[in-house]
Amino acid sequence: MIAKLSGRLDSAGDDWAIVDVAGVGYLVFCSARTLTNLPDPGELVRMLIETHVREDHIHLFGFLDAAERDWFRLLTTVQGVGARMALAILSVLSPAQLVQAIAAQDKAALTRANGVGPKLAGRVVSELKEKAGRIVLGEAAHIAALEGGGAAPAEAVPEDAVSALVNLGYGRGEAFGAVAQAARQLGGDAPIEAVIHAGLRKLAS
């Protein structure tokens, strides 16, 4: 199995890149986000690789960082999400944005990806909510979040405050993020009205 490639970028297209390693060109499929961050052809590039072996082909999927690779692996555990669909999702949402979208159960954010409808988006956010905290963020980051060192865990975010901001026209993902920050700063006993006002201030800043 190929786990990493280090060489020179030969060329790139809409969803692929060719990495020249000692004269051998490896065709690697990538998200749009990865492709936009590649160096110019001829320059050195290092990619983490996920190798998929099937009866009729061997495909390499490349990532510039471990977070995107880990999300790729996680997304493909969801029924109906294949490798190309996972790349489509990673093309429109960064790992950090995916964490927030799944924690907020923001199906609309995932439907921005080509080929992802509301039903599949709902399955992704439902199946990955717990896994996102444990696997993608990592145990240390998850503990830090619970102790107040990061974003508030999903269960600590007042849903009524999120709904109030959504009703004011904000997207669910950004409303969830603002309320999570406000709830962490104000404490778990803060009145909903105070959390809403603090969330609004953060969205307006």
Protein backbone atom coordinates (compact mmCIF):
# COMPACT_ATOMS: atom_id res chain seq x y z
CA MET A 1 0.00 0.00 0.00
CA ILE A 2 1.18 3.51 -0.81
CA ALA A 3 0.82 5.84 2.21
CA LYS A 4 2.89 8.84 1.09
CA LEU A 5 4.43 10.30 -2.05
CA SER A 6 7.27 12.79 -2.16
CA GLY A 7 8.43 14.12 -5.50
CA ARG A 8 7.77 16.89 -8.01
CA LEU A 9 4.41 17.99 -9.29
CA ASP A 10 4.23 17.03 -12.95
CA SER A 11 0.77 18.38 -13.81
CA ALA A 12 -2.74 18.78 -12.42
CA GLY A 13 -6.33 18.86 -13.69
CA ASP A 14 -9.87 19.32 -12.40
CA ASP A 15 -9.70 16.50 -9.85
CA TRP A 16 -6.26 14.97 -10.26
CA ALA A 17 -2.55 15.56 -10.05
CA ILE A 18 0.48 13.63 -11.27
CA VAL A 19 3.39 13.36 -8.87
CA ASP A 20 6.74 12.44 -10.40
CA VAL A 21 8.71 10.25 -8.02
CA ALA A 22 12.12 9.30 -9.44
CA GLY A 23 10.76 9.34 -12.97
CA VAL A 24 7.56 7.43 -12.21
CA GLY A 25 4.35 9.44 -12.52
CA TYR A 26 1.62 8.63 -9.97
CA LEU A 27 -1.94 9.72 -10.78
CA VAL A 28 -3.52 11.03 -7.57
CA PHE A 29 -7.14 12.14 -7.17
CA CYS A 30 -7.59 15.20 -4.95
CA SER A 31 -10.19 17.60 -3.62
CA ALA A 32 -10.45 21.06 -5.15
CA ARG A 33 -9.12 22.49 -1.90
CA THR A 34 -5.96 20.37 -2.13
CA LEU A 35 -5.46 21.16 -5.81
CA THR A 36 -5.59 24.92 -5.21
CA ASN A 37 -2.84 24.59 -2.60
CA LEU A 38 -0.43 22.58 -4.73
CA PRO A 39 2.87 24.16 -5.81
CA ASP A 40 3.64 25.00 -9.42
CA PRO A 41 4.55 22.15 -11.78
CA GLY A 42 8.18 21.12 -11.32
CA GLU A 43 8.26 22.06 -7.65
CA LEU A 44 8.55 19.63 -4.75
CA VAL A 45 5.35 18.26 -3.27
CA ARG A 46 4.58 15.81 -0.48
CA MET A 47 1.20 14.09 -0.26
CA LEU A 48 -0.38 11.71 2.20
CA ILE A 49 -2.01 8.91 0.22
CA GLU A 50 -5.06 6.73 0.74
CA THR A 51 -4.86 3.69 -1.56
CA HIS A 52 -8.06 2.03 -2.74
CA VAL A 53 -7.65 -1.38 -4.34
CA ARG A 54 -10.49 -2.90 -6.35
CA GLU A 55 -10.67 -5.88 -8.68
CA ASP A 56 -10.46 -3.65 -11.74
CA HIS A 57 -8.33 -0.71 -10.57
CA ILE A 58 -6.02 0.83 -7.99
CA HIS A 59 -6.80 4.46 -7.16
CA LEU A 60 -4.65 6.86 -5.14
CA PHE A 61 -6.26 9.74 -3.25
CA GLY A 62 -3.93 12.51 -2.11
CA PHE A 63 -4.02 15.02 0.74
CA LEU A 64 -1.67 17.75 1.88
CA ASP A 65 -2.50 17.30 5.56
CA ALA A 66 -3.61 14.55 7.90
CA ALA A 67 -6.86 16.29 8.88
CA GLU A 68 -8.26 16.12 5.35
CA ARG A 69 -7.11 12.53 4.95
CA ASP A 70 -8.77 11.53 8.22
CA TRP A 71 -12.01 13.21 7.16
CA PHE A 72 -11.86 11.37 3.85
CA ARG A 73 -11.59 8.08 5.71
CA LEU A 74 -14.43 9.02 8.04
CA LEU A 75 -16.76 10.23 5.31
CA THR A 76 -16.37 7.02 3.33
CA THR A 77 -17.68 5.02 6.30
CA VAL A 78 -21.12 6.54 5.68
CA GLN A 79 -23.39 4.47 3.46
CA GLY A 80 -23.72 6.14 0.08
CA VAL A 81 -20.52 8.18 0.36
CA GLY A 82 -17.85 6.81 -1.95
CA ALA A 83 -14.36 8.17 -2.49
CA ARG A 84 -15.38 10.68 -5.17
CA MET A 85 -18.32 11.92 -3.06
CA ALA A 86 -16.01 12.37 -0.08
CA LEU A 87 -13.66 14.46 -2.24
CA ALA A 88 -16.62 16.55 -3.40
CA ILE A 89 -17.53 17.32 0.22
CA LEU A 90 -13.91 18.14 1.07
CA SER A 91 -13.82 20.44 -1.95
CA VAL A 92 -16.39 22.79 -0.39
CA LEU A 93 -15.81 22.32 3.34
CA SER A 94 -12.51 22.36 5.20
CA PRO A 95 -11.97 19.91 8.08
CA ALA A 96 -12.74 22.67 10.59
CA GLN A 97 -15.93 23.59 8.74
CA LEU A 98 -16.96 19.93 8.64
CA VAL A 99 -16.52 19.64 12.40
CA GLN A 100 -18.81 22.64 12.91
CA ALA A 101 -21.35 21.53 10.30
CA ILE A 102 -21.67 18.07 11.84
CA ALA A 103 -21.76 19.35 15.41
CA ALA A 104 -24.47 21.83 14.37
CA GLN A 105 -26.32 19.18 12.32
CA ASP A 106 -26.12 21.66 9.43
CA LYS A 107 -27.32 19.58 6.48
CA ALA A 108 -27.47 22.60 4.19
CA ALA A 109 -23.71 23.09 4.41
CA LEU A 110 -23.09 19.58 3.06
CA THR A 111 -25.56 19.96 0.19
CA ARG A 112 -23.20 22.55 -1.28
CA ALA A 113 -21.09 19.59 -2.44
CA ASN A 114 -21.82 18.34 -5.93
CA GLY A 115 -24.10 15.29 -5.80
CA VAL A 116 -24.99 15.55 -2.10
CA GLY A 117 -28.74 15.82 -1.57
CA PRO A 118 -30.64 16.52 1.66
CA LYS A 119 -31.15 12.81 2.45
CA LEU A 120 -27.46 11.94 2.16
CA ALA A 121 -26.45 15.11 4.02
CA GLY A 122 -28.77 14.12 6.85
CA ARG A 123 -27.20 10.66 7.00
CA VAL A 124 -23.68 12.15 7.14
CA VAL A 125 -24.39 14.57 10.00
CA SER A 126 -26.35 11.93 11.90
CA GLU A 127 -23.83 9.10 11.62
CA LEU A 128 -20.71 11.19 12.17
CA LYS A 129 -21.78 13.42 15.06
CA GLU A 130 -20.15 11.32 17.78
CA LYS A 131 -17.28 10.08 15.60
CA ALA A 132 -16.32 13.64 14.72
CA GLY A 133 -15.59 14.43 18.35
CA ARG A 134 -13.79 11.21 19.18
CA ILE A 135 -11.84 10.42 16.04
CA VAL A 136 -11.36 13.57 13.98
CA LEU A 137 -10.73 16.08 16.73
CA GLY A 138 -8.75 13.52 18.66
CA GLU A 139 -9.11 12.60 22.28
CA ALA A 140 -6.92 15.43 23.54
CA ALA A 141 -8.82 18.08 21.63
CA HIS A 142 -12.13 16.60 22.71
CA ILE A 143 -11.09 16.74 26.38
CA ALA A 144 -9.87 20.32 25.93
CA ALA A 145 -13.22 21.28 24.45
CA LEU A 146 -15.11 19.76 27.39
CA GLU A 147 -12.88 21.64 29.81
CA GLY A 148 -13.48 24.95 28.08
CA GLY A 149 -10.29 25.13 26.06
CA GLY A 150 -12.04 24.87 22.70
CA ALA A 151 -15.47 24.97 21.13
CA ALA A 152 -18.31 23.90 23.39
CA PRO A 153 -19.50 20.33 22.85
CA ALA A 154 -22.70 20.03 20.85
CA GLU A 155 -24.80 18.94 23.83
CA ALA A 156 -23.76 22.09 25.78
CA VAL A 157 -24.99 24.49 23.09
CA PRO A 158 -28.52 25.83 23.78
CA GLU A 159 -30.68 24.77 20.82
CA ASP A 160 -33.21 27.54 21.52
CA ALA A 161 -30.48 30.16 21.07
CA VAL A 162 -29.30 28.56 17.83
CA SER A 163 -32.89 28.46 16.51
CA ALA A 164 -33.41 32.11 17.42
CA LEU A 165 -30.39 33.17 15.36
CA VAL A 166 -31.45 30.95 12.47
CA ASN A 167 -34.88 32.61 12.55
CA LEU A 168 -33.11 35.96 12.23
CA GLY A 169 -31.63 34.81 8.93
CA TYR A 170 -28.25 33.37 9.91
CA GLY A 171 -27.08 29.99 8.62
CA ARG A 172 -27.28 27.13 11.10
CA GLY A 173 -23.54 26.51 11.03
CA GLU A 174 -22.54 30.10 11.80
CA ALA A 175 -25.34 30.42 14.38
CA PHE A 176 -24.15 27.27 16.14
CA GLY A 177 -20.56 28.53 16.19
CA ALA A 178 -21.53 31.91 17.64
CA VAL A 179 -23.78 30.37 20.31
CA ALA A 180 -21.10 27.81 21.21
CA GLN A 181 -18.58 30.58 21.84
CA ALA A 182 -21.11 32.66 23.78
CA ALA A 183 -22.18 29.71 25.92
CA ARG A 184 -18.59 28.87 26.76
CA GLN A 185 -17.80 32.45 27.77
CA LEU A 186 -21.00 33.09 29.75
CA GLY A 187 -21.18 29.70 31.45
CA GLY A 188 -23.78 26.98 31.43
CA ASP A 189 -26.19 28.83 33.74
CA ALA A 190 -26.49 31.96 31.58
CA PRO A 191 -30.03 32.93 30.52
CA ILE A 192 -30.94 32.10 26.91
CA GLU A 193 -31.53 35.80 26.17
CA ALA A 194 -27.98 36.63 27.23
CA VAL A 195 -26.56 33.85 25.06
CA ILE A 196 -28.60 35.06 22.07
CA HIS A 197 -27.41 38.65 22.49
CA ALA A 198 -23.79 37.54 22.93
CA GLY A 199 -24.11 35.33 19.83
CA LEU A 200 -25.48 38.25 17.84
CA ARG A 201 -22.54 40.42 18.89
CA LYS A 202 -20.12 37.77 17.70
CA LEU A 203 -21.88 37.44 14.34
CA ALA A 204 -21.84 41.22 13.91
CA SER A 205 -18.15 41.62 14.81
